[in-house]
Protein backbone atom coordinates (compact mmCIF):
# COMPACT_ATOMS: atom_id res chain seq x y z
CA MET A 1 0.15 7.73 -33.60
CA ILE A 2 0.69 4.39 -31.38
CA HIS A 3 3.14 1.86 -32.59
CA ASP A 4 5.70 -0.37 -30.86
CA ALA A 5 8.77 1.38 -29.28
CA THR A 6 11.99 1.20 -31.22
CA PRO A 7 15.43 0.95 -30.01
CA ASP A 8 16.31 4.56 -31.20
CA GLN A 9 13.23 6.16 -29.52
CA THR A 10 14.98 5.00 -25.91
CA PRO A 11 16.45 8.71 -25.12
CA ALA A 12 13.43 10.34 -25.86
CA LEU A 13 11.10 7.57 -24.02
CA LEU A 14 13.26 8.05 -20.88
CA ALA A 15 12.98 12.02 -21.07
CA LEU A 16 9.39 11.65 -21.30
CA CYS A 17 9.48 9.36 -18.31
CA GLY A 18 11.55 12.12 -16.42
CA THR A 19 9.13 14.81 -17.29
CA LEU A 20 6.21 12.54 -15.67
CA GLY A 21 7.99 13.58 -12.00
CA LEU A 22 7.26 9.96 -10.88
CA PHE A 23 11.03 8.61 -11.06
CA GLU A 24 13.99 8.99 -9.28
CA PRO A 25 17.48 9.12 -11.34
CA ASP A 26 18.32 5.41 -10.23
CA GLU A 27 14.57 4.26 -11.41
CA LEU A 28 15.06 6.00 -14.82
CA ASP A 29 18.43 3.98 -15.00
CA ALA A 30 16.26 0.69 -14.25
CA LEU A 31 13.81 1.73 -17.01
CA ARG A 32 16.78 2.07 -19.26
CA GLY A 33 17.92 -1.21 -18.44
CA MET A 34 14.52 -2.76 -18.94
CA LEU A 35 13.98 -1.03 -22.60
CA GLU A 36 17.58 -2.32 -23.46
CA ALA A 37 16.85 -5.86 -22.36
CA HIS A 38 13.65 -5.78 -24.29
CA PHE A 39 15.38 -4.54 -27.62
CA ALA A 40 18.03 -6.98 -27.01
CA ALA A 41 15.66 -10.09 -26.67
CA LYS A 42 15.08 -12.06 -29.64
CA ALA A 43 11.71 -13.20 -28.05
CA SER A 44 10.54 -10.48 -25.60
CA THR A 45 7.02 -10.88 -24.37
CA ALA A 46 6.70 -7.43 -23.01
CA ILE A 47 4.63 -4.68 -24.64
CA TRP A 48 6.44 -1.12 -24.93
CA LEU A 49 3.95 1.17 -26.81
CA ALA A 50 5.05 4.89 -27.76
CA ASP A 51 2.41 7.42 -28.74
CA LEU A 52 4.22 9.91 -31.30
CA ASP A 53 3.10 13.66 -31.85
CA ASP A 54 3.22 15.20 -35.50
CA ASN A 55 7.04 15.55 -35.04
CA HIS A 56 7.40 11.73 -34.36
CA THR A 57 8.34 12.56 -30.75
CA PRO A 58 7.07 10.19 -27.97
CA ILE A 59 4.48 11.91 -25.91
CA ALA A 60 2.93 8.95 -24.11
CA LEU A 61 4.08 5.51 -23.42
CA ALA A 62 2.79 2.07 -22.00
CA PHE A 63 4.55 -0.87 -20.72
CA ALA A 64 3.27 -4.05 -19.88
CA GLU A 65 4.58 -7.69 -19.22
CA PRO A 66 3.26 -11.10 -18.25
CA GLU A 67 3.18 -11.74 -14.58
CA ARG A 68 5.40 -14.69 -13.85
CA MET A 69 4.11 -17.97 -12.69
CA THR A 70 0.50 -17.32 -13.78
CA HIS A 71 -1.75 -18.30 -16.77
CA GLY A 72 -2.82 -14.97 -18.78
CA THR A 73 -2.09 -12.47 -16.16
CA TRP A 74 -0.19 -9.43 -17.10
CA ASN A 75 1.06 -6.09 -15.40
CA LEU A 76 0.52 -2.67 -16.72
CA LEU A 77 3.63 -1.30 -15.16
CA LEU A 78 3.84 1.97 -17.03
CA LEU A 79 1.33 4.45 -18.40
CA GLY A 80 2.45 7.78 -18.95
CA VAL A 81 1.45 11.08 -20.96
CA HIS A 82 3.59 14.26 -21.25
CA PRO A 83 2.02 16.69 -19.00
CA ASP A 84 1.29 19.03 -22.13
CA HIS A 85 -0.74 16.24 -23.54
CA GLN A 86 -2.65 14.87 -20.54
CA ARG A 87 -6.31 14.79 -20.56
CA THR A 88 -6.53 14.48 -24.55
CA GLY A 89 -7.30 10.76 -24.43
CA ARG A 90 -3.90 9.60 -25.15
CA GLY A 91 -3.69 7.55 -21.91
CA THR A 92 -7.14 6.07 -22.69
CA ALA A 93 -5.91 5.09 -26.33
CA LEU A 94 -2.69 3.46 -25.02
CA LEU A 95 -4.45 1.60 -22.42
CA ALA A 96 -6.87 0.38 -25.05
CA GLU A 97 -4.17 -0.73 -27.45
CA VAL A 98 -2.51 -2.76 -24.54
CA GLU A 99 -5.92 -4.38 -23.57
CA GLN A 100 -6.83 -5.18 -27.54
CA ARG A 101 -3.22 -6.80 -27.78
CA LEU A 102 -3.53 -8.96 -24.76
CA ARG A 103 -7.11 -10.07 -26.01
CA LYS A 104 -5.84 -11.22 -29.27
CA GLN A 105 -3.23 -13.55 -27.21
CA ASN A 106 -6.31 -14.86 -25.17
CA GLU A 107 -4.92 -13.13 -21.95
CA ARG A 108 -7.31 -13.19 -19.03
CA LEU A 109 -6.09 -10.24 -16.55
CA LEU A 110 -4.50 -7.14 -16.41
CA LEU A 111 -3.18 -5.64 -13.20
CA VAL A 112 -2.08 -2.23 -12.64
CA GLU A 113 -0.68 -0.64 -9.39
CA THR A 114 -0.60 2.93 -8.06
CA ALA A 115 0.28 4.82 -4.72
CA GLY A 116 -2.75 5.37 -2.33
CA LEU A 117 -1.72 9.20 -1.89
CA ASP A 118 -4.04 11.80 -2.19
CA ASP A 119 -2.25 13.14 -5.05
CA PHE A 120 -3.00 9.74 -6.93
CA ASP A 121 -6.78 10.16 -6.61
CA GLY A 122 -7.06 11.10 -10.41
CA VAL A 123 -5.13 8.18 -11.43
CA ARG A 124 -7.04 5.77 -9.50
CA ARG A 125 -10.25 7.44 -10.73
CA PHE A 126 -8.76 7.07 -14.50
CA TYR A 127 -8.24 3.25 -13.88
CA ALA A 128 -11.83 2.86 -12.38
CA ASP A 129 -13.78 4.74 -14.99
CA ARG A 130 -11.92 2.44 -17.43
CA GLY A 131 -13.34 -0.75 -16.08
CA PHE A 132 -10.46 -1.63 -13.42
CA THR A 133 -11.78 -2.86 -9.87
CA PRO A 134 -9.49 -2.09 -6.59
CA GLU A 135 -8.53 -5.71 -5.40
CA ALA A 136 -5.95 -5.01 -2.77
CA THR A 137 -4.09 -2.18 -0.72
CA LEU A 138 -0.84 -2.98 0.57
CA ARG A 139 -0.11 -0.57 3.41
CA ASP A 140 3.08 1.22 3.57
CA PHE A 141 4.45 -0.63 0.61
CA TYR A 142 6.53 2.31 -1.16
CA ALA A 143 7.29 3.86 2.04
CA ASP A 144 5.84 4.57 5.44
CA GLY A 145 2.48 6.31 4.89
CA VAL A 146 2.61 5.30 1.00
CA ASP A 147 0.42 2.46 0.17
CA LYS A 148 0.01 0.44 -2.85
CA VAL A 149 -3.30 0.03 -4.51
CA VAL A 150 -3.76 -2.88 -6.84
CA PHE A 151 -6.52 -2.61 -9.48
CA CYS A 152 -7.64 -5.55 -11.84
CA LYS A 153 -9.42 -6.01 -14.82
CA GLY A 154 -10.73 -9.01 -16.96
CA ILE A 155 -9.65 -8.72 -20.25
CA GLY A 156 -10.39 -11.99 -21.91
CA ALA A 157 -12.72 -12.15 -24.80
CA GLY A 158 -16.24 -12.50 -23.76
């Protein structure tokens, strides 16, 4: 069940992010701050979605926000599925929901970035299989030897 994340889900969403193995403790603290700022804002434009299991526990999440100083360009900054629920269609469903919401708002582009490491081959294939095109590679972006690969997808109606 996909819905807008709620403030009371913050601890569970952060725990979920911890299980993904992608975040250092300080990065989880930054995510906490981003969630808290989103929920505190009266008019946040960001999208935070949670996918819940039968016990109403978040097992997948997505976070997207508009790219500053652009017209209709958004960044998908986080799409994560609990390891026990990967390859079940939950990531695809969350991505489709983000795209649908952005289409309804007449947005134009959705960007996503990932690492250029071999361990991320599956992630890059996931986005390519869903219509994203690799647009740029920034060498040594995250650290020496860890490139940033930027994908883009047009999401405008039509």
